[in-house]
Amino acid sequence: MLPVVETDEEWNTVVEDEKLMRAGAEDLCARLGLAGAPLTRFPDGSQPVYAVGDGQVLKLFPTSAAQDGVTEGRVLTHLHGLLPVPTPRVDGFGPYENGWRYVLMSRLPGENLAHVWDRIPRPDRERIVTEIGEALAVLHSLDPAPLEDVLGPGDWGAFLDRQCENAVARQHRHGLADSWLEQIPDFLASVPLPRAPRRSLLHTEVMRQHFLVDPDGWRLTGLFDFEPAMIGDAAYDFVGVGLFVTRGDPHLLDRLTTAYGHRVDPSQALAYTLLHVYSNLAWYLRELEGPAEGTLPALARAWFGGYPTGQ
């Protein structure tokens, strides 16, 4: 029902064709015993995702992202019931046709945290980031060994080498100004990153966009989107924390890291920001206020520095 998708051009053509995508989703639902269930496509996300009735979610992965479907299904199955924040229950995952894969999961209650953030009172924001810090601490404490067969990158030091080698070119492609580009090699060389860290299960995209919250009391009701999960240095997860959760707010960052139980070195966090597989510093600089001093060390302090609670 759904065609092979192996290139960006094929992806754009197929995924934007809602008539085609819906037909595929309906066919798959029928095969899963859910024929006739109402389907509502979510507007957000990198993959096609549908609400199936009121209680389930169907996420589709094309040929080019098939491994992400395996990752999401395995990680969510492993995590169910282990975190203080709910994660979706997996009701089924596997191959569909033409290389597509699917994950059928429970639908978590609540509203997207990013969409309602501006409505949340300051004390509740502080409590929410505390809960996020606690959840991250538990996630990073779990033994990732059962997932080693599906999660990369394997050799963390080799991963760092590959990311460092392409760091400047990657940021140049995204349009980063030369004044920042020329600082990257020396900055990365100055930051000691562990080549064989304690192996932690990483979400890798800890963002407001991936949390759900109940507006009645502003309590976290869910954490989702584990398709880019990895095993590696826990500090790597603080890229998303600083950029997309606390967003340069030192009070919130301090509360989160206090709940987490460990402060991440600002220079290491920015180094991982430059080395992240989805890194786009030019975009981050448009989204977040940077320091008056246009240097990477100053940027590290501004986005990942924080300061003690009570100041």
Protein backbone atom coordinates (compact mmCIF):
# COMPACT_ATOMS: atom_id res chain seq x y z
CA MET A 1 0.00 0.00 0.00
CA LEU A 2 2.87 2.40 0.82
CA PRO A 3 5.73 2.70 -1.69
CA VAL A 4 9.43 2.27 -1.02
CA VAL A 5 10.96 5.48 0.38
CA GLU A 6 14.76 5.61 0.19
CA THR A 7 15.58 9.22 -0.73
CA ASP A 8 14.68 12.65 0.62
CA GLU A 9 12.77 13.38 -2.57
CA GLU A 10 10.68 10.22 -2.21
CA TRP A 11 10.16 11.03 1.46
CA ASN A 12 8.82 14.52 0.73
CA THR A 13 6.52 13.23 -2.00
CA VAL A 14 5.03 10.34 -0.04
CA VAL A 15 4.82 11.75 3.49
CA GLU A 16 3.19 14.98 2.35
CA ASP A 17 0.57 13.01 0.39
CA GLU A 18 -2.02 12.59 3.13
CA LYS A 19 -4.38 10.59 0.91
CA LEU A 20 -1.65 8.02 0.28
CA MET A 21 -0.42 7.99 3.88
CA ARG A 22 -3.93 7.62 5.30
CA ALA A 23 -4.69 4.74 2.96
CA GLY A 24 -1.55 2.98 4.17
CA ALA A 25 -2.38 3.67 7.81
CA GLU A 26 -5.92 2.37 7.36
CA ASP A 27 -4.65 -0.78 5.65
CA LEU A 28 -2.14 -1.41 8.43
CA CYS A 29 -4.77 -0.83 11.11
CA ALA A 30 -7.02 -3.38 9.42
CA ARG A 31 -4.18 -5.92 9.48
CA LEU A 32 -3.71 -5.17 13.19
CA GLY A 33 -7.36 -5.79 13.97
CA LEU A 34 -8.27 -2.11 14.19
CA ALA A 35 -10.32 -1.76 11.01
CA GLY A 36 -12.62 1.25 11.10
CA ALA A 37 -10.88 2.95 14.01
CA PRO A 38 -10.85 6.75 13.56
CA LEU A 39 -7.44 8.07 12.45
CA THR A 40 -6.23 11.58 13.26
CA ARG A 41 -2.80 12.61 12.02
CA PHE A 42 -0.63 14.59 14.42
CA PRO A 43 0.85 17.74 12.85
CA ASP A 44 4.19 17.45 14.67
CA GLY A 45 7.03 14.98 14.46
CA SER A 46 9.58 13.77 11.94
CA GLN A 47 7.63 10.58 11.14
CA PRO A 48 3.96 10.15 10.14
CA VAL A 49 2.01 9.59 13.38
CA TYR A 50 -1.72 8.95 13.79
CA ALA A 51 -4.02 8.80 16.79
CA VAL A 52 -6.00 5.57 16.48
CA GLY A 53 -9.29 6.15 18.25
CA ASP A 54 -8.85 7.68 21.69
CA GLY A 55 -6.36 5.30 23.21
CA GLN A 56 -3.63 4.36 20.74
CA VAL A 57 -1.02 5.91 18.48
CA LEU A 58 0.39 4.48 15.24
CA LYS A 59 3.83 5.66 14.17
CA LEU A 60 5.13 4.81 10.70
CA PHE A 61 8.75 4.53 9.58
CA PRO A 62 9.68 4.37 5.87
CA THR A 63 12.42 2.26 4.34
CA SER A 64 15.06 4.93 4.89
CA ALA A 65 14.25 5.14 8.63
CA ALA A 66 13.29 1.52 9.24
CA GLN A 67 15.94 1.05 11.94
CA ASP A 68 14.39 3.93 13.88
CA GLY A 69 11.20 1.90 14.09
CA VAL A 70 13.12 -1.04 15.55
CA THR A 71 14.82 1.31 18.01
CA GLU A 72 11.61 2.94 19.17
CA GLY A 73 9.78 -0.35 19.62
CA ARG A 74 12.61 -1.97 21.56
CA VAL A 75 13.40 1.02 23.77
CA LEU A 76 9.78 1.72 24.71
CA THR A 77 9.22 -1.96 25.49
CA HIS A 78 12.30 -1.94 27.71
CA LEU A 79 11.37 1.29 29.51
CA HIS A 80 7.70 0.66 30.24
CA GLY A 81 7.02 1.29 33.91
CA LEU A 82 10.64 2.06 34.80
CA LEU A 83 10.64 5.88 34.77
CA PRO A 84 8.86 8.28 37.13
CA VAL A 85 7.37 9.90 34.01
CA PRO A 86 5.07 7.60 31.97
CA THR A 87 6.23 6.39 28.56
CA PRO A 88 3.96 4.81 25.93
CA ARG A 89 3.09 1.13 26.31
CA VAL A 90 3.97 -0.79 23.15
CA ASP A 91 1.02 -2.75 21.79
CA GLY A 92 2.95 -4.01 18.79
CA PHE A 93 5.80 -3.18 16.42
CA GLY A 94 7.26 -4.74 13.34
CA PRO A 95 7.45 -4.67 9.54
CA TYR A 96 4.63 -3.48 7.30
CA GLU A 97 5.52 -3.66 3.58
CA ASN A 98 8.07 -2.23 1.12
CA GLY A 99 10.52 -1.71 3.97
CA TRP A 100 8.13 0.29 6.16
CA ARG A 101 7.90 -0.46 9.86
CA TYR A 102 5.41 0.57 12.51
CA VAL A 103 5.03 1.00 16.25
CA LEU A 104 1.55 0.79 17.75
CA MET A 105 1.52 2.24 21.25
CA SER A 106 -0.77 3.59 23.93
CA ARG A 107 -1.70 7.26 23.79
CA LEU A 108 -0.54 9.23 26.81
CA PRO A 109 -2.83 11.90 28.26
CA GLY A 110 -1.98 15.59 28.46
CA GLU A 111 -0.90 18.50 26.29
CA ASN A 112 2.47 19.07 24.67
CA LEU A 113 4.68 20.93 27.15
CA ALA A 114 6.13 23.18 24.44
CA HIS A 115 2.66 24.29 23.36
CA VAL A 116 1.52 25.31 26.85
CA TRP A 117 4.77 26.53 28.40
CA ASP A 118 3.81 30.20 28.27
CA ARG A 119 0.65 29.45 30.29
CA ILE A 120 2.46 27.68 33.11
CA PRO A 121 3.07 29.69 36.31
CA ARG A 122 6.70 30.06 37.34
CA PRO A 123 6.47 27.80 40.43
CA ASP A 124 4.98 25.03 38.31
CA ARG A 125 7.69 25.44 35.68
CA GLU A 126 10.27 24.97 38.42
CA ARG A 127 8.56 21.82 39.64
CA ILE A 128 8.27 20.46 36.09
CA VAL A 129 12.00 20.85 35.40
CA THR A 130 12.65 19.19 38.75
CA GLU A 131 10.57 16.22 37.60
CA ILE A 132 12.46 16.15 34.30
CA GLY A 133 15.78 16.07 36.17
CA GLU A 134 14.55 13.19 38.33
CA ALA A 135 13.35 11.26 35.28
CA LEU A 136 16.68 11.75 33.49
CA ALA A 137 18.55 10.50 36.54
CA VAL A 138 16.54 7.28 36.49
CA LEU A 139 16.91 6.88 32.71
CA HIS A 140 20.68 7.24 32.93
CA SER A 141 20.89 4.80 35.84
CA LEU A 142 19.31 1.93 33.89
CA ASP A 143 21.46 -0.86 32.50
CA PRO A 144 21.50 -0.35 28.70
CA ALA A 145 22.95 -3.80 28.01
CA PRO A 146 19.62 -5.34 26.83
CA LEU A 147 19.51 -2.72 24.05
CA GLU A 148 23.11 -2.91 22.84
CA ASP A 149 22.12 -4.94 19.80
CA VAL A 150 19.94 -2.12 18.43
CA LEU A 151 21.47 1.10 19.81
CA GLY A 152 24.65 2.81 18.64
CA PRO A 153 27.09 4.25 18.36
CA GLY A 154 29.11 1.45 19.93
CA ASP A 155 32.62 2.88 20.37
CA TRP A 156 32.00 6.31 21.92
CA GLY A 157 35.52 7.53 21.23
CA ALA A 158 35.23 6.64 17.56
CA PHE A 159 31.87 8.41 17.44
CA LEU A 160 33.47 11.56 18.87
CA ASP A 161 36.26 11.36 16.31
CA ARG A 162 33.78 11.15 13.44
CA GLN A 163 31.73 14.06 14.76
CA CYS A 164 34.80 16.21 15.39
CA GLU A 165 36.13 15.57 11.90
CA ASN A 166 32.96 16.94 10.33
CA ALA A 167 32.02 19.54 12.95
CA VAL A 168 33.03 22.66 11.03
CA ALA A 169 31.64 21.45 7.71
CA ARG A 170 28.35 20.49 9.37
CA GLN A 171 27.87 23.94 10.89
CA HIS A 172 28.98 25.63 7.66
CA ARG A 173 26.23 23.79 5.77
CA HIS A 174 23.73 25.24 8.22
CA GLY A 175 24.94 28.77 7.55
CA LEU A 176 26.91 29.46 10.73
CA ALA A 177 28.87 32.71 10.56
CA ASP A 178 32.63 32.53 10.01
CA SER A 179 33.26 34.26 13.35
CA TRP A 180 31.83 31.17 15.07
CA LEU A 181 33.13 28.58 12.63
CA GLU A 182 36.75 29.59 13.11
CA GLN A 183 36.48 29.01 16.88
CA ILE A 184 35.21 25.43 16.68
CA PRO A 185 38.47 23.45 16.21
CA ASP A 186 40.34 25.09 19.10
CA PHE A 187 37.28 24.96 21.36
CA LEU A 188 36.72 21.25 20.77
CA ALA A 189 40.42 20.56 21.26
CA SER A 190 40.29 22.35 24.63
CA VAL A 191 37.36 20.36 26.06
CA PRO A 192 38.15 16.92 27.52
CA LEU A 193 35.35 14.56 26.57
CA PRO A 194 35.45 10.97 27.88
CA ARG A 195 36.23 8.43 25.20
CA ALA A 196 34.98 5.53 27.31
CA PRO A 197 32.31 7.01 29.61
CA ARG A 198 29.97 5.11 31.88
CA ARG A 199 27.45 3.76 29.37
CA SER A 200 24.02 5.33 29.82
CA LEU A 201 20.77 4.97 27.93
CA LEU A 202 20.20 8.33 26.22
CA HIS A 203 17.02 9.86 24.87
CA THR A 204 19.20 12.36 22.90
CA GLU A 205 16.35 14.85 22.30
CA VAL A 206 15.25 15.94 25.77
CA MET A 207 12.99 18.80 24.69
CA ARG A 208 9.78 20.40 25.91
CA GLN A 209 8.30 19.09 22.65
CA HIS A 210 8.72 15.50 23.86
CA PHE A 211 6.93 15.87 27.20
CA LEU A 212 3.22 15.93 27.98
CA VAL A 213 1.66 17.77 30.89
CA ASP A 214 -1.75 17.87 32.57
CA PRO A 215 -2.98 21.51 32.69
CA ASP A 216 -4.97 20.64 35.80
CA GLY A 217 -2.13 20.96 38.27
CA TRP A 218 0.66 21.08 35.65
CA ARG A 219 2.04 17.60 36.26
CA LEU A 220 4.10 15.69 33.71
CA THR A 221 2.07 12.91 32.14
CA GLY A 222 4.44 11.56 29.54
CA LEU A 223 7.79 11.36 27.78
CA PHE A 224 7.89 10.06 24.22
CA ASP A 225 9.83 9.88 20.93
CA PHE A 226 12.72 7.48 21.63
CA GLU A 227 13.55 6.72 18.00
CA PRO A 228 16.93 8.57 18.17
CA ALA A 229 17.97 6.84 21.43
CA MET A 230 21.64 5.96 21.89
CA ILE A 231 24.02 4.50 24.48
CA GLY A 232 26.80 6.82 25.58
CA ASP A 233 27.88 9.64 27.87
CA ALA A 234 24.98 10.95 30.00
CA ALA A 235 26.19 14.52 29.44
CA TYR A 236 25.13 14.22 25.79
CA ASP A 237 21.48 14.38 26.90
CA PHE A 238 22.04 17.83 28.40
CA VAL A 239 22.32 19.37 24.94
CA GLY A 240 18.54 19.16 24.62
CA VAL A 241 18.07 20.13 28.25
CA GLY A 242 19.94 23.41 27.93
CA LEU A 243 18.66 24.34 24.49
CA PHE A 244 15.04 23.20 24.60
CA VAL A 245 14.00 22.77 28.25
CA THR A 246 15.72 25.43 30.37
CA ARG A 247 16.65 27.56 27.33
CA GLY A 248 19.38 29.60 28.97
CA ASP A 249 17.45 30.18 32.23
CA PRO A 250 20.06 29.58 34.98
CA HIS A 251 17.45 29.15 37.75
CA LEU A 252 15.65 26.39 35.83
CA LEU A 253 18.90 24.70 34.82
CA ASP A 254 20.07 24.68 38.42
CA ARG A 255 16.80 23.17 39.64
CA LEU A 256 16.95 20.49 36.99
CA THR A 257 20.57 19.54 37.62
CA THR A 258 20.04 19.57 41.40
CA ALA A 259 17.19 17.09 40.96
CA TYR A 260 19.36 15.10 38.56
CA GLY A 261 22.10 14.94 41.20
CA HIS A 262 24.98 16.13 39.08
CA ARG A 263 26.02 19.32 37.29
CA VAL A 264 27.25 19.01 33.74
CA ASP A 265 30.34 21.01 32.82
CA PRO A 266 29.18 23.91 30.56
CA SER A 267 32.09 23.47 28.15
CA GLN A 268 31.36 19.75 27.78
CA ALA A 269 27.68 20.50 27.17
CA LEU A 270 28.52 22.98 24.41
CA ALA A 271 31.08 20.61 22.91
CA TYR A 272 28.37 17.95 22.71
CA THR A 273 26.07 20.59 21.23
CA LEU A 274 28.54 21.02 18.38
CA LEU A 275 28.98 17.26 18.01
CA HIS A 276 25.34 16.22 18.32
CA VAL A 277 24.08 14.26 15.33
CA TYR A 278 21.42 16.92 14.71
CA SER A 279 23.54 19.94 15.63
CA ASN A 280 22.62 23.29 14.07
CA LEU A 281 24.31 26.11 15.97
CA ALA A 282 23.09 28.81 13.59
CA TRP A 283 19.50 27.85 14.39
CA TYR A 284 20.16 27.72 18.14
CA LEU A 285 21.65 31.21 18.03
CA ARG A 286 18.47 32.46 16.36
CA GLU A 287 16.29 30.74 18.95
CA LEU A 288 18.20 31.61 22.13
CA GLU A 289 19.77 34.78 23.38
CA GLY A 290 23.54 34.59 23.15
CA PRO A 291 26.16 36.44 25.21
CA ALA A 292 27.43 39.89 24.29
CA GLU A 293 30.88 38.33 24.09
CA GLY A 294 30.73 36.30 20.89
CA THR A 295 32.90 33.39 21.98
CA LEU A 296 32.14 29.72 22.45
CA PRO A 297 33.26 29.69 26.13
CA ALA A 298 30.89 32.58 26.82
CA LEU A 299 28.14 30.76 24.96
CA ALA A 300 28.74 27.66 27.09
CA ARG A 301 28.31 29.70 30.26
CA ALA A 302 25.19 31.44 28.95
CA TRP A 303 23.34 28.30 27.90
CA PHE A 304 24.68 25.66 30.27
CA GLY A 305 26.20 27.55 33.22
CA GLY A 306 23.41 27.91 35.73
CA TYR A 307 24.14 29.06 39.28
CA PRO A 308 23.29 27.91 42.79
CA THR A 309 19.64 27.78 43.85
CA GLY A 310 18.57 30.87 45.73
CA GLN A 311 20.58 33.40 43.74
